[in-house]
């Protein structure tokens, strides 16, 4: 795999978890290792779900998110106080219809 970050590690690193070494453009494998160390350090494993299709998300009046998802044909509903939407730059985006949202 010959993919490198197009933004320096200084900008791609999290402020609460310093990137070891000097700022530079890291290869994909190094960045993945950095993210895995971050997840392990902050014990985030139980809160992550990869290869999961999010089919809906609603912010409730309580400030809590109700997220509908599907993984391996199994539907699930998760509750969260934060919602992070992550899309890769080389993937085709999927948009959930949001009434009244025009994209601006």
Protein backbone atom coordinates (compact mmCIF):
# COMPACT_ATOMS: atom_id res chain seq x y z
CA UNK A 1 0.00 0.00 0.00
CA UNK A 2 1.62 3.25 -1.16
CA UNK A 3 -0.91 5.69 0.30
CA UNK A 4 0.36 8.64 2.38
CA UNK A 5 -1.48 11.29 4.36
CA UNK A 6 -1.95 14.49 2.39
CA UNK A 7 -1.91 16.53 5.59
CA UNK A 8 1.04 16.55 7.98
CA UNK A 9 0.89 14.40 11.09
CA UNK A 10 1.04 17.62 13.12
CA UNK A 11 -2.45 18.48 11.85
CA UNK A 12 -3.80 14.92 11.66
CA UNK A 13 -2.89 14.06 15.27
CA UNK A 14 -5.20 14.62 18.22
CA UNK A 15 -4.28 17.38 20.67
CA UNK A 16 -4.65 15.05 23.65
CA UNK A 17 -2.42 12.33 22.13
CA UNK A 18 0.81 13.61 20.62
CA UNK A 19 2.18 12.04 17.45
CA UNK A 20 5.63 10.59 18.15
CA UNK A 21 8.35 12.07 15.97
CA UNK A 22 8.54 15.14 13.82
CA UNK A 23 5.59 16.43 11.76
CA UNK A 24 5.61 14.76 8.37
CA UNK A 25 3.43 12.96 5.88
CA UNK A 26 2.90 9.47 7.27
CA UNK A 27 2.21 6.34 5.27
CA UNK A 28 -1.22 4.79 5.72
CA UNK A 29 0.06 1.95 7.94
CA UNK A 30 1.69 4.39 10.40
CA UNK A 31 -1.48 6.47 10.66
CA UNK A 32 -3.58 3.36 11.27
CA UNK A 33 -1.15 2.36 14.05
CA UNK A 34 -1.47 5.85 15.57
CA UNK A 35 -5.28 5.58 15.57
CA UNK A 36 -5.12 2.09 17.10
CA UNK A 37 -2.81 3.37 19.89
CA UNK A 38 -5.25 6.25 20.52
CA UNK A 39 -8.22 3.87 20.78
CA UNK A 40 -6.28 1.57 23.12
CA UNK A 41 -4.94 4.40 25.31
CA UNK A 42 -8.41 5.89 25.85
CA UNK A 43 -10.14 2.47 25.99
CA UNK A 44 -12.58 3.31 23.19
CA UNK A 45 -12.91 -0.22 21.74
CA UNK A 46 -16.38 -0.92 23.16
CA UNK A 47 -17.82 2.27 21.67
CA UNK A 48 -16.69 1.64 18.08
CA UNK A 49 -18.46 -0.32 15.37
CA UNK A 50 -16.71 -0.72 12.01
CA UNK A 51 -18.33 -1.80 8.74
CA UNK A 52 -21.72 -0.71 10.05
CA UNK A 53 -24.32 1.08 7.94
CA UNK A 54 -25.99 3.94 9.79
CA UNK A 55 -29.57 4.14 8.53
CA UNK A 56 -30.78 7.00 10.68
CA UNK A 57 -29.90 9.34 13.52
CA UNK A 58 -32.23 11.51 15.55
CA UNK A 59 -31.24 14.06 18.19
CA UNK A 60 -33.78 13.70 20.98
CA UNK A 61 -35.01 16.57 23.17
CA UNK A 62 -32.83 15.26 25.99
CA UNK A 63 -29.72 15.95 23.88
CA UNK A 64 -29.14 12.23 23.35
CA UNK A 65 -28.72 10.72 19.87
CA UNK A 66 -30.72 7.69 18.84
CA UNK A 67 -28.83 5.97 16.04
CA UNK A 68 -30.30 3.22 13.86
CA UNK A 69 -27.77 0.95 12.20
CA UNK A 70 -27.32 -2.36 10.46
CA UNK A 71 -24.35 -4.73 10.54
CA UNK A 72 -24.20 -8.14 8.87
CA UNK A 73 -27.96 -8.01 8.28
CA UNK A 74 -28.72 -7.32 11.95
CA UNK A 75 -30.56 -4.08 12.78
CA UNK A 76 -29.75 -2.23 15.98
CA UNK A 77 -30.56 0.97 17.82
CA UNK A 78 -27.82 2.70 19.81
CA UNK A 79 -27.98 5.68 22.12
CA UNK A 80 -25.14 8.17 22.39
CA UNK A 81 -24.43 11.62 23.76
CA UNK A 82 -22.14 12.38 20.79
CA UNK A 83 -22.38 11.55 17.09
CA UNK A 84 -19.30 11.58 14.86
CA UNK A 85 -19.74 11.15 11.13
CA UNK A 86 -16.63 9.79 9.41
CA UNK A 87 -16.35 9.37 5.67
CA UNK A 88 -13.27 8.52 3.68
CA UNK A 89 -12.16 10.91 0.95
CA UNK A 90 -12.20 8.06 -1.57
CA UNK A 91 -15.69 6.78 -0.78
CA UNK A 92 -19.03 7.74 -2.29
CA UNK A 93 -21.08 9.63 0.31
CA UNK A 94 -24.52 8.46 1.34
CA UNK A 95 -26.93 11.09 2.54
CA UNK A 96 -29.89 10.53 4.81
CA UNK A 97 -32.81 12.81 3.95
CA UNK A 98 -33.10 15.66 6.45
CA UNK A 99 -36.32 17.68 6.13
CA UNK A 100 -35.56 21.34 5.50
CA UNK A 101 -31.81 20.85 4.97
CA UNK A 102 -30.63 22.28 1.65
CA UNK A 103 -26.91 21.56 2.06
CA UNK A 104 -25.96 25.13 2.89
